[in-house]
Structure formats: structure tokens, C-alpha cells
């Protein structure tokens, strides 16, 4: 089963808690075990889907939760395949790529 890290920012507004809770619930449903979530806005998880990719996991988190790409930001990194997928406005994507190394 593939391994991922997910980092995200949910904009703090009147719908923040509903979007955050929905996002976390969706992430937990896609994980083989409970995601590691000890730090803020970061998850480490193993997918229940053996064929999951950074793109498919990112899409599932986007479509199946209340994530709002007009104000929220998400980066999903496939640790096994060394790929990333994003939703929302990514500022300084070159720095992200340089930091990840791919």
C-alpha cells in the first residue's frame, strides 16, 4: 500500500471548523491506519488503495470533503513514487519543488 504525506491549510473563516472536520474525516477514511496527525495541518498515512497516487488521493480529499480550493491549500506527496499533487493556490511552487527535490 502506498505511503503519503499531506500538508494543508484551511482558511480560518466562518466555515473553518466544518471544512477542517470534513477534511480530517475523509483523510481517515482513505487511510489504512489512523493518520499520524500530531503536528498542525500535516498527515502521514498509508492508503487503503494499493493503486492510489498523489493525484488520486488529492482528488479524493478534494471531492469527498468540504475542502474549498478557492480559499484552502493542499499538497499531497507520494513518498514511494516521489510525486506531488496540489489543490488551491500554491504560492512559490518553485520553492516547493526545490524543497521536495522533484
PDB file of N, CA and C in Angstrom:
ATOM      1  N   UNK A   1       0.840  -1.184   0.000  1.00  0.00           N
ATOM      2  CA  UNK A   1       0.000   0.000   0.000  1.00  0.00           C
ATOM      3  C   UNK A   1       0.889   1.252   0.000  1.00  0.00           C
ATOM      4  N   UNK A   2       0.548   2.239  -0.820  1.00  0.00           N
ATOM      5  CA  UNK A   2       1.374   3.451  -0.928  1.00  0.00           C
ATOM      6  C   UNK A   2       1.329   4.335   0.325  1.00  0.00           C
ATOM      7  N   UNK A   3       2.394   5.103   0.496  1.00  0.00           N
ATOM      8  CA  UNK A   3       2.564   5.982   1.652  1.00  0.00           C
ATOM      9  C   UNK A   3       2.550   7.433   1.209  1.00  0.00           C
ATOM     10  N   UNK A   4       1.873   8.290   1.978  1.00  0.00           N
ATOM     11  CA  UNK A   4       1.702   9.687   1.613  1.00  0.00           C
ATOM     12  C   UNK A   4       1.915  10.604   2.805  1.00  0.00           C
ATOM     13  N   UNK A   5       2.312  11.829   2.495  1.00  0.00           N
ATOM     14  CA  UNK A   5       2.181  12.908   3.453  1.00  0.00           C
ATOM     15  C   UNK A   5       1.247  13.935   2.832  1.00  0.00           C
ATOM     16  N   UNK A   6       0.463  14.559   3.671  1.00  0.00           N
ATOM     17  CA  UNK A   6      -0.480  15.575   3.245  1.00  0.00           C
ATOM     18  C   UNK A   6      -0.273  16.784   4.143  1.00  0.00           C
ATOM     19  N   UNK A   7      -0.008  17.901   3.542  1.00  0.00           N
ATOM     20  CA  UNK A   7       0.056  19.144   4.294  1.00  0.00           C
ATOM     21  C   UNK A   7      -1.014  20.059   3.730  1.00  0.00           C
ATOM     22  N   UNK A   8      -1.642  20.834   4.588  1.00  0.00           N
ATOM     23  CA  UNK A   8      -2.780  21.623   4.141  1.00  0.00           C
ATOM     24  C   UNK A   8      -2.971  22.852   5.009  1.00  0.00           C
ATOM     25  N   UNK A   9      -3.709  23.813   4.467  1.00  0.00           N
ATOM     26  CA  UNK A   9      -4.126  24.987   5.227  1.00  0.00           C
ATOM     27  C   UNK A   9      -5.586  25.225   4.908  1.00  0.00           C
ATOM     28  N   UNK A  10      -6.407  25.200   5.938  1.00  0.00           N
ATOM     29  CA  UNK A  10      -7.829  25.526   5.806  1.00  0.00           C
ATOM     30  C   UNK A  10      -7.976  26.974   6.261  1.00  0.00           C
ATOM     31  N   UNK A  11      -8.502  27.804   5.390  1.00  0.00           N
ATOM     32  CA  UNK A  11      -8.640  29.226   5.727  1.00  0.00           C
ATOM     33  C   UNK A  11      -9.540  29.393   6.944  1.00  0.00           C
ATOM     34  N   UNK A  12      -9.101  30.217   7.871  1.00  0.00           N
ATOM     35  CA  UNK A  12      -9.848  30.478   9.096  1.00  0.00           C
ATOM     36  C   UNK A  12     -10.950  31.489   8.804  1.00  0.00           C
ATOM     37  N   UNK A  13     -12.147  30.982   8.607  1.00  0.00           N
ATOM     38  CA  UNK A  13     -13.315  31.824   8.377  1.00  0.00           C
ATOM     39  C   UNK A  13     -14.515  31.166   9.054  1.00  0.00           C
ATOM     40  N   UNK A  14     -15.711  31.617   8.751  1.00  0.00           N
ATOM     41  CA  UNK A  14     -16.893  31.115   9.468  1.00  0.00           C
ATOM     42  C   UNK A  14     -17.158  29.625   9.234  1.00  0.00           C
ATOM     43  N   UNK A  15     -16.669  29.070   8.120  1.00  0.00           N
ATOM     44  CA  UNK A  15     -16.878  27.653   7.814  1.00  0.00           C
ATOM     45  C   UNK A  15     -15.661  26.780   8.115  1.00  0.00           C
ATOM     46  N   UNK A  16     -14.651  27.369   8.756  1.00  0.00           N
ATOM     47  CA  UNK A  16     -13.391  26.663   9.000  1.00  0.00           C
ATOM     48  C   UNK A  16     -13.603  25.299   9.653  1.00  0.00           C
ATOM     49  N   UNK A  17     -14.280  25.253  10.764  1.00  0.00           N
ATOM     50  CA  UNK A  17     -14.387  24.010  11.526  1.00  0.00           C
ATOM     51  C   UNK A  17     -15.088  22.911  10.740  1.00  0.00           C
ATOM     52  N   UNK A  18     -16.133  23.252  10.023  1.00  0.00           N
ATOM     53  CA  UNK A  18     -16.845  22.248   9.222  1.00  0.00           C
ATOM     54  C   UNK A  18     -15.948  21.700   8.117  1.00  0.00           C
ATOM     55  N   UNK A  19     -15.186  22.591   7.456  1.00  0.00           N
ATOM     56  CA  UNK A  19     -14.293  22.138   6.386  1.00  0.00           C
ATOM     57  C   UNK A  19     -13.145  21.316   6.963  1.00  0.00           C
ATOM     58  N   UNK A  20     -12.576  21.746   8.086  1.00  0.00           N
ATOM     59  CA  UNK A  20     -11.487  21.005   8.725  1.00  0.00           C
ATOM     60  C   UNK A  20     -11.958  19.611   9.142  1.00  0.00           C
ATOM     61  N   UNK A  21     -13.081  19.547   9.840  1.00  0.00           N
ATOM     62  CA  UNK A  21     -13.598  18.259  10.312  1.00  0.00           C
ATOM     63  C   UNK A  21     -13.898  17.324   9.148  1.00  0.00           C
ATOM     64  N   UNK A  22     -14.493  17.855   8.092  1.00  0.00           N
ATOM     65  CA  UNK A  22     -14.808  17.057   6.909  1.00  0.00           C
ATOM     66  C   UNK A  22     -13.534  16.536   6.249  1.00  0.00           C
ATOM     67  N   UNK A  23     -12.527  17.403   6.126  1.00  0.00           N
ATOM     68  CA  UNK A  23     -11.255  17.013   5.525  1.00  0.00           C
ATOM     69  C   UNK A  23     -10.600  15.891   6.326  1.00  0.00           C
ATOM     70  N   UNK A  24     -10.550  16.032   7.644  1.00  0.00           N
ATOM     71  CA  UNK A  24      -9.929  15.022   8.504  1.00  0.00           C
ATOM     72  C   UNK A  24     -10.706  13.705   8.463  1.00  0.00           C
ATOM     73  N   UNK A  25     -12.019  13.775   8.455  1.00  0.00           N
ATOM     74  CA  UNK A  25     -12.844  12.570   8.380  1.00  0.00           C
ATOM     75  C   UNK A  25     -12.579  11.833   7.062  1.00  0.00           C
ATOM     76  N   UNK A  26     -12.493  12.579   5.971  1.00  0.00           N
ATOM     77  CA  UNK A  26     -12.210  11.971   4.670  1.00  0.00           C
ATOM     78  C   UNK A  26     -10.826  11.350   4.661  1.00  0.00           C
ATOM     79  N   UNK A  27      -9.830  12.056   5.186  1.00  0.00           N
ATOM     80  CA  UNK A  27      -8.469  11.521   5.243  1.00  0.00           C
ATOM     81  C   UNK A  27      -8.437  10.215   6.034  1.00  0.00           C
ATOM     82  N   UNK A  28      -9.109  10.173   7.151  1.00  0.00           N
ATOM     83  CA  UNK A  28      -9.135   8.957   7.965  1.00  0.00           C
ATOM     84  C   UNK A  28      -9.786   7.806   7.215  1.00  0.00           C
ATOM     85  N   UNK A  29     -10.795   8.100   6.403  1.00  0.00           N
ATOM     86  CA  UNK A  29     -11.473   7.041   5.657  1.00  0.00           C
ATOM     87  C   UNK A  29     -10.605   6.483   4.532  1.00  0.00           C
ATOM     88  N   UNK A  30      -9.617   7.250   4.080  1.00  0.00           N
ATOM     89  CA  UNK A  30      -8.738   6.817   2.993  1.00  0.00           C
ATOM     90  C   UNK A  30      -7.470   6.136   3.491  1.00  0.00           C
ATOM     91  N   UNK A  31      -7.268   6.140   4.810  1.00  0.00           N
ATOM     92  CA  UNK A  31      -6.044   5.606   5.404  1.00  0.00           C
ATOM     93  C   UNK A  31      -6.239   4.182   5.916  1.00  0.00           C
ATOM     94  N   UNK A  32      -5.209   3.368   5.733  1.00  0.00           N
ATOM     95  CA  UNK A  32      -5.245   2.001   6.238  1.00  0.00           C
ATOM     96  C   UNK A  32      -5.299   1.996   7.763  1.00  0.00           C
ATOM     97  N   UNK A  33      -4.492   2.842   8.369  1.00  0.00           N
ATOM     98  CA  UNK A  33      -4.476   3.034   9.820  1.00  0.00           C
ATOM     99  C   UNK A  33      -4.819   4.497  10.074  1.00  0.00           C
ATOM    100  N   UNK A  34      -5.046   4.846  11.307  1.00  0.00           N
ATOM    101  CA  UNK A  34      -5.303   6.251  11.624  1.00  0.00           C
ATOM    102  C   UNK A  34      -4.100   7.083  11.198  1.00  0.00           C
ATOM    103  N   UNK A  35      -4.305   8.191  10.461  1.00  0.00           N
ATOM    104  CA  UNK A  35      -3.174   9.010  10.039  1.00  0.00           C
ATOM    105  C   UNK A  35      -2.433   9.605  11.241  1.00  0.00           C
ATOM    106  N   UNK A  36      -1.123   9.767  11.084  1.00  0.00           N
ATOM    107  CA  UNK A  36      -0.340  10.463  12.095  1.00  0.00           C
ATOM    108  C   UNK A  36      -0.636  11.940  11.920  1.00  0.00           C
ATOM    109  N   UNK A  37      -1.121  12.574  12.984  1.00  0.00           N
ATOM    110  CA  UNK A  37      -1.571  13.966  12.881  1.00  0.00           C
ATOM    111  C   UNK A  37      -1.155  14.792  14.099  1.00  0.00           C
ATOM    112  N   UNK A  38      -0.017  14.466  14.665  1.00  0.00           N
ATOM    113  CA  UNK A  38       0.410  15.142  15.893  1.00  0.00           C
ATOM    114  C   UNK A  38       0.750  16.608  15.666  1.00  0.00           C
ATOM    115  N   UNK A  39       1.226  16.968  14.474  1.00  0.00           N
ATOM    116  CA  UNK A  39       1.540  18.362  14.199  1.00  0.00           C
ATOM    117  C   UNK A  39       0.398  19.017  13.430  1.00  0.00           C
ATOM    118  N   UNK A  40       0.385  20.306  13.400  1.00  0.00           N
ATOM    119  CA  UNK A  40      -0.695  21.069  12.787  1.00  0.00           C
ATOM    120  C   UNK A  40      -0.697  20.931  11.271  1.00  0.00           C
ATOM    121  N   UNK A  41      -1.839  20.625  10.701  1.00  0.00           N
ATOM    122  CA  UNK A  41      -2.065  20.622   9.256  1.00  0.00           C
ATOM    123  C   UNK A  41      -1.106  19.724   8.491  1.00  0.00           C
ATOM    124  N   UNK A  42      -0.786  18.579   9.049  1.00  0.00           N
ATOM    125  CA  UNK A  42       0.108  17.617   8.428  1.00  0.00           C
ATOM    126  C   UNK A  42      -0.379  16.222   8.763  1.00  0.00           C
ATOM    127  N   UNK A  43      -0.446  15.352   7.774  1.00  0.00           N
ATOM    128  CA  UNK A  43      -0.829  13.958   7.988  1.00  0.00           C
ATOM    129  C   UNK A  43       0.201  13.060   7.320  1.00  0.00           C
ATOM    130  N   UNK A  44       0.473  11.930   7.911  1.00  0.00           N
ATOM    131  CA  UNK A  44       1.249  10.870   7.284  1.00  0.00           C
ATOM    132  C   UNK A  44       0.355   9.645   7.300  1.00  0.00           C
ATOM    133  N   UNK A  45       0.167   9.032   6.125  1.00  0.00           N
ATOM    134  CA  UNK A  45      -0.771   7.914   6.075  1.00  0.00           C
ATOM    135  C   UNK A  45      -0.388   6.904   5.011  1.00  0.00           C
ATOM    136  N   UNK A  46      -0.882   5.697   5.219  1.00  0.00           N
ATOM    137  CA  UNK A  46      -0.782   4.635   4.226  1.00  0.00           C
ATOM    138  C   UNK A  46      -2.177   4.448   3.663  1.00  0.00           C
ATOM    139  N   UNK A  47      -2.298   4.494   2.350  1.00  0.00           N
ATOM    140  CA  UNK A  47      -3.607   4.405   1.704  1.00  0.00           C
ATOM    141  C   UNK A  47      -4.170   2.992   1.786  1.00  0.00           C
ATOM    142  N   UNK A  48      -5.477   2.903   1.814  1.00  0.00           N
ATOM    143  CA  UNK A  48      -6.147   1.606   1.736  1.00  0.00           C
ATOM    144  C   UNK A  48      -6.178   1.105   0.301  1.00  0.00           C
ATOM    145  N   UNK A  49      -5.933   1.991  -0.655  1.00  0.00           N
ATOM    146  CA  UNK A  49      -5.968   1.667  -2.083  1.00  0.00           C
ATOM    147  C   UNK A  49      -4.554   1.407  -2.579  1.00  0.00           C
ATOM    148  N   UNK A  50      -4.271   0.181  -2.960  1.00  0.00           N
ATOM    149  CA  UNK A  50      -2.933  -0.181  -3.431  1.00  0.00           C
ATOM    150  C   UNK A  50      -2.536   0.576  -4.691  1.00  0.00           C
ATOM    151  N   UNK A  51      -3.499   1.086  -5.424  1.00  0.00           N
ATOM    152  CA  UNK A  51      -3.220   1.804  -6.670  1.00  0.00           C
ATOM    153  C   UNK A  51      -3.294   3.319  -6.513  1.00  0.00           C
ATOM    154  N   UNK A  52      -3.403   3.797  -5.290  1.00  0.00           N
ATOM    155  CA  UNK A  52      -3.522   5.243  -5.062  1.00  0.00           C
ATOM    156  C   UNK A  52      -2.262   5.958  -5.519  1.00  0.00           C
ATOM    157  N   UNK A  53      -2.461   7.170  -6.026  1.00  0.00           N
ATOM    158  CA  UNK A  53      -1.369   8.050  -6.424  1.00  0.00           C
ATOM    159  C   UNK A  53      -1.549   9.375  -5.695  1.00  0.00           C
ATOM    160  N   UNK A  54      -0.560  10.234  -5.796  1.00  0.00           N
ATOM    161  CA  UNK A  54      -0.725  11.551  -5.177  1.00  0.00           C
ATOM    162  C   UNK A  54      -1.925  12.260  -5.796  1.00  0.00           C
ATOM    163  N   UNK A  55      -2.102  12.101  -7.097  1.00  0.00           N
ATOM    164  CA  UNK A  55      -3.223  12.733  -7.786  1.00  0.00           C
ATOM    165  C   UNK A  55      -4.569  12.170  -7.337  1.00  0.00           C
ATOM    166  N   UNK A  56      -4.673  10.859  -7.238  1.00  0.00           N
ATOM    167  CA  UNK A  56      -5.962  10.262  -6.853  1.00  0.00           C
ATOM    168  C   UNK A  56      -6.306  10.565  -5.399  1.00  0.00           C
ATOM    169  N   UNK A  57      -5.304  10.548  -4.520  1.00  0.00           N
ATOM    170  CA  UNK A  57      -5.574  10.869  -3.114  1.00  0.00           C
ATOM    171  C   UNK A  57      -5.961  12.336  -2.974  1.00  0.00           C
ATOM    172  N   UNK A  58      -5.248  13.209  -3.662  1.00  0.00           N
ATOM    173  CA  UNK A  58      -5.565  14.635  -3.631  1.00  0.00           C
ATOM    174  C   UNK A  58      -6.997  14.863  -4.130  1.00  0.00           C
ATOM    175  N   UNK A  59      -7.364  14.211  -5.212  1.00  0.00           N
ATOM    176  CA  UNK A  59      -8.719  14.345  -5.756  1.00  0.00           C
ATOM    177  C   UNK A  59      -9.768  13.836  -4.784  1.00  0.00           C
ATOM    178  N   UNK A  60      -9.499  12.692  -4.148  1.00  0.00           N
ATOM    179  CA  UNK A  60     -10.461  12.148  -3.181  1.00  0.00           C
ATOM    180  C   UNK A  60     -10.648  13.079  -1.996  1.00  0.00           C
ATOM    181  N   UNK A  61      -9.555  13.629  -1.490  1.00  0.00           N
ATOM    182  CA  UNK A  61      -9.664  14.576  -0.376  1.00  0.00           C
ATOM    183  C   UNK A  61     -10.433  15.824  -0.793  1.00  0.00           C
ATOM    184  N   UNK A  62     -10.242  16.254  -2.012  1.00  0.00           N
ATOM    185  CA  UNK A  62     -10.919  17.449  -2.537  1.00  0.00           C
ATOM    186  C   UNK A  62     -12.411  17.179  -2.765  1.00  0.00           C
ATOM    187  N   UNK A  63     -12.719  16.116  -3.452  1.00  0.00           N
ATOM    188  CA  UNK A  63     -14.104  15.832  -3.850  1.00  0.00           C
ATOM    189  C   UNK A  63     -14.948  15.329  -2.682  1.00  0.00           C
ATOM    190  N   UNK A  64     -14.367  14.499  -1.839  1.00  0.00           N
ATOM    191  CA  UNK A  64     -15.150  13.833  -0.796  1.00  0.00           C
ATOM    192  C   UNK A  64     -15.219  14.592   0.521  1.00  0.00           C
ATOM    193  N   UNK A  65     -14.568  15.747   0.608  1.00  0.00           N
ATOM    194  CA  UNK A  65     -14.663  16.564   1.817  1.00  0.00           C
ATOM    195  C   UNK A  65     -15.180  17.944   1.435  1.00  0.00           C
ATOM    196  N   UNK A  66     -15.239  18.819   2.392  1.00  0.00           N
ATOM    197  CA  UNK A  66     -15.705  20.187   2.147  1.00  0.00           C
ATOM    198  C   UNK A  66     -14.547  21.127   1.832  1.00  0.00           C
ATOM    199  N   UNK A  67     -13.405  20.586   1.449  1.00  0.00           N
ATOM    200  CA  UNK A  67     -12.246  21.381   1.065  1.00  0.00           C
ATOM    201  C   UNK A  67     -12.667  22.365  -0.025  1.00  0.00           C
ATOM    202  N   UNK A  68     -12.257  23.619   0.105  1.00  0.00           N
ATOM    203  CA  UNK A  68     -12.636  24.672  -0.842  1.00  0.00           C
ATOM    204  C   UNK A  68     -11.371  25.229  -1.488  1.00  0.00           C
ATOM    205  N   UNK A  69     -11.130  24.856  -2.730  1.00  0.00           N
ATOM    206  CA  UNK A  69      -9.881  25.244  -3.401  1.00  0.00           C
ATOM    207  C   UNK A  69      -9.788  26.731  -3.691  1.00  0.00           C
ATOM    208  N   UNK A  70     -10.875  27.475  -3.492  1.00  0.00           N
ATOM    209  CA  UNK A  70     -10.802  28.927  -3.682  1.00  0.00           C
ATOM    210  C   UNK A  70     -10.182  29.618  -2.471  1.00  0.00           C
ATOM    211  N   UNK A  71     -10.107  28.897  -1.332  1.00  0.00           N
ATOM    212  CA  UNK A  71      -9.518  29.511  -0.143  1.00  0.00           C
ATOM    213  C   UNK A  71      -8.608  28.586   0.655  1.00  0.00           C
ATOM    214  N   UNK A  72      -8.655  27.294   0.401  1.00  0.00           N
ATOM    215  CA  UNK A  72      -7.828  26.326   1.119  1.00  0.00           C
ATOM    216  C   UNK A  72      -6.688  25.856   0.212  1.00  0.00           C
ATOM    217  N   UNK A  73      -5.649  25.277   0.811  1.00  0.00           N
ATOM    218  CA  UNK A  73      -4.486  24.796   0.070  1.00  0.00           C
ATOM    219  C   UNK A  73      -4.107  23.407   0.584  1.00  0.00           C
ATOM    220  N   UNK A  74      -3.740  22.523  -0.366  1.00  0.00           N
ATOM    221  CA  UNK A  74      -3.336  21.166   0.000  1.00  0.00           C
ATOM    222  C   UNK A  74      -2.202  20.705  -0.911  1.00  0.00           C
ATOM    223  N   UNK A  75      -1.239  19.999  -0.315  1.00  0.00           N
ATOM    224  CA  UNK A  75      -0.176  19.337  -1.065  1.00  0.00           C
ATOM    225  C   UNK A  75      -0.140  17.881  -0.601  1.00  0.00           C
ATOM    226  N   UNK A  76      -0.236  16.962  -1.562  1.00  0.00           N
ATOM    227  CA  UNK A  76      -0.153  15.532  -1.271  1.00  0.00           C
ATOM    228  C   UNK A  76       1.126  15.011  -1.911  1.00  0.00           C
ATOM    229  N   UNK A  77       1.965  14.353  -1.121  1.00  0.00           N
ATOM    230  CA  UNK A  77       3.236  13.822  -1.609  1.00  0.00           C
ATOM    231  C   UNK A  77       3.203  12.300  -1.498  1.00  0.00           C
ATOM    232  N   UNK A  78       3.445  11.643  -2.626  1.00  0.00           N
ATOM    233  CA  UNK A  78       3.581  10.189  -2.658  1.00  0.00           C
ATOM    234  C   UNK A  78       5.037   9.879  -2.325  1.00  0.00           C
ATOM    235  N   UNK A  79       5.269   9.318  -1.146  1.00  0.00           N
ATOM    236  CA  UNK A  79       6.628   9.047  -0.691  1.00  0.00           C
ATOM    237  C   UNK A  79       7.291   7.916  -1.470  1.00  0.00           C
ATOM    238  N   UNK A  80       6.500   6.982  -1.979  1.00  0.00           N
ATOM    239  CA  UNK A  80       7.053   5.843  -2.697  1.00  0.00           C
ATOM    240  C   UNK A  80       7.448   6.207  -4.133  1.00  0.00           C
ATOM    241  N   UNK A  81       6.598   6.987  -4.801  1.00  0.00           N
ATOM    242  CA  UNK A  81       6.841   7.338  -6.207  1.00  0.00           C
ATOM    243  C   UNK A  81       7.500   8.703  -6.384  1.00  0.00           C
ATOM    244  N   UNK A  82       7.640   9.447  -5.283  1.00  0.00           N
ATOM    245  CA  UNK A  82       8.256  10.780  -5.321  1.00  0.00           C
ATOM    246  C   UNK A  82       7.522  11.702  -6.302  1.00  0.00           C
ATOM    247  N   UNK A  83       6.212  11.802  -6.096  1.00  0.00           N
ATOM    248  CA  UNK A  83       5.388  12.718  -6.887  1.00  0.00           C
ATOM    249  C   UNK A  83       4.563  13.551  -5.933  1.00  0.00           C
ATOM    250  N   UNK A  84       4.032  14.667  -6.451  1.00  0.00           N
ATOM    251  CA  UNK A  84       3.157  15.517  -5.637  1.00  0.00           C
ATOM    252  C   UNK A  84       1.964  15.963  -6.466  1.00  0.00           C
ATOM    253  N   UNK A  85       0.893  16.292  -5.778  1.00  0.00           N
ATOM    254  CA  UNK A  85      -0.295  16.888  -6.384  1.00  0.00           C
ATOM    255  C   UNK A  85      -0.789  17.973  -5.447  1.00  0.00           C
ATOM    256  N   UNK A  86      -1.420  18.987  -6.014  1.00  0.00           N
ATOM    257  CA  UNK A  86      -1.865  20.120  -5.205  1.00  0.00           C
ATOM    258  C   UNK A  86      -3.287  20.521  -5.562  1.00  0.00           C
ATOM    259  N   UNK A  87      -3.919  21.204  -4.638  1.00  0.00           N
ATOM    260  CA  UNK A  87      -5.209  21.876  -4.850  1.00  0.00           C
ATOM    261  C   UNK A  87      -5.120  23.220  -4.144  1.00  0.00           C
ATOM    262  N   UNK A  88      -5.774  24.202  -4.721  1.00  0.00           N
ATOM    263  CA  UNK A  88      -5.736  25.543  -4.168  1.00  0.00           C
ATOM    264  C   UNK A  88      -4.581  26.319  -4.763  1.00  0.00           C
ATOM    265  N   UNK A  89      -4.475  27.571  -4.386  1.00  0.00           N
ATOM    266  CA  UNK A  89      -3.438  28.447  -4.928  1.00  0.00           C
ATOM    267  C   UNK A  89      -2.108  28.177  -4.224  1.00  0.00           C
ATOM    268  N   UNK A  90      -1.154  27.665  -4.982  1.00  0.00           N
ATOM    269  CA  UNK A  90       0.177  27.389  -4.447  1.00  0.00           C
ATOM    270  C   UNK A  90       1.076  28.573  -4.770  1.00  0.00           C
ATOM    271  N   UNK A  91       1.545  29.251  -3.756  1.00  0.00           N
ATOM    272  CA  UNK A  91       2.491  30.347  -3.952  1.00  0.00           C
ATOM    273  C   UNK A  91       3.896  29.766  -3.909  1.00  0.00           C
ATOM    274  N   UNK A  92       4.760  30.274  -4.762  1.00  0.00           N
ATOM    275  CA  UNK A  92       6.167  29.868  -4.791  1.00  0.00           C
ATOM    276  C   UNK A  92       6.320  28.368  -5.046  1.00  0.00           C
ATOM    277  N   UNK A  93       5.645  27.892  -6.100  1.00  0.00           N
ATOM    278  CA  UNK A  93       5.712  26.460  -6.403  1.00  0.00           C
ATOM    279  C   UNK A  93       7.148  26.013  -6.699  1.00  0.00           C
ATOM    280  N   UNK A  94       7.966  26.895  -7.236  1.00  0.00           N
ATOM    281  CA  UNK A  94       9.369  26.559  -7.464  1.00  0.00           C
ATOM    282  C   UNK A  94      10.097  26.231  -6.175  1.00  0.00           C
ATOM    283  N   UNK A  95       9.780  26.944  -5.111  1.00  0.00           N
ATOM    284  CA  UNK A  95      10.392  26.642  -3.810  1.00  0.00           C
ATOM    285  C   UNK A  95       9.909  25.293  -3.276  1.00  0.00           C
ATOM    286  N   UNK A  96       8.637  24.997  -3.494  1.00  0.00           N
ATOM    287  CA  UNK A  96       8.096  23.712  -3.083  1.00  0.00           C
ATOM    288  C   UNK A  96       8.833  22.589  -3.820  1.00  0.00           C
ATOM    289  N   UNK A  97       8.947  22.734  -5.136  1.00  0.00           N
ATOM    290  CA  UNK A  97       9.635  21.720  -5.933  1.00  0.00           C
ATOM    291  C   UNK A  97      11.097  21.574  -5.497  1.00  0.00           C
ATOM    292  N   UNK A  98      11.758  22.694  -5.280  1.00  0.00           N
ATOM    293  CA  UNK A  98      13.163  22.658  -4.861  1.00  0.00           C
ATOM    294  C   UNK A  98      13.304  21.983  -3.491  1.00  0.00           C
ATOM    295  N   UNK A  99      12.383  22.289  -2.592  1.00  0.00           N
ATOM    296  CA  UNK A  99      12.442  21.687  -1.265  1.00  0.00           C
ATOM    297  C   UNK A  99      12.180  20.199  -1.275  1.00  0.00           C
ATOM    298  N   UNK A 100      11.284  19.757  -2.147  1.00  0.00           N
ATOM    299  CA  UNK A 100      10.974  18.336  -2.245  1.00  0.00           C
ATOM    300  C   UNK A 100      12.037  17.576  -3.051  1.00  0.00           C
ATOM    301  N   UNK A 101      12.640  18.274  -3.999  1.00  0.00           N
ATOM    302  CA  UNK A 101      13.635  17.616  -4.838  1.00  0.00           C
ATOM    303  C   UNK A 101      13.056  16.938  -6.062  1.00  0.00           C
ATOM    304  N   UNK A 102      11.789  17.197  -6.350  1.00  0.00           N
ATOM    305  CA  UNK A 102      11.143  16.666  -7.572  1.00  0.00           C
ATOM    306  C   UNK A 102       9.956  17.536  -7.934  1.00  0.00           C
TER     307      UNK A 102
END
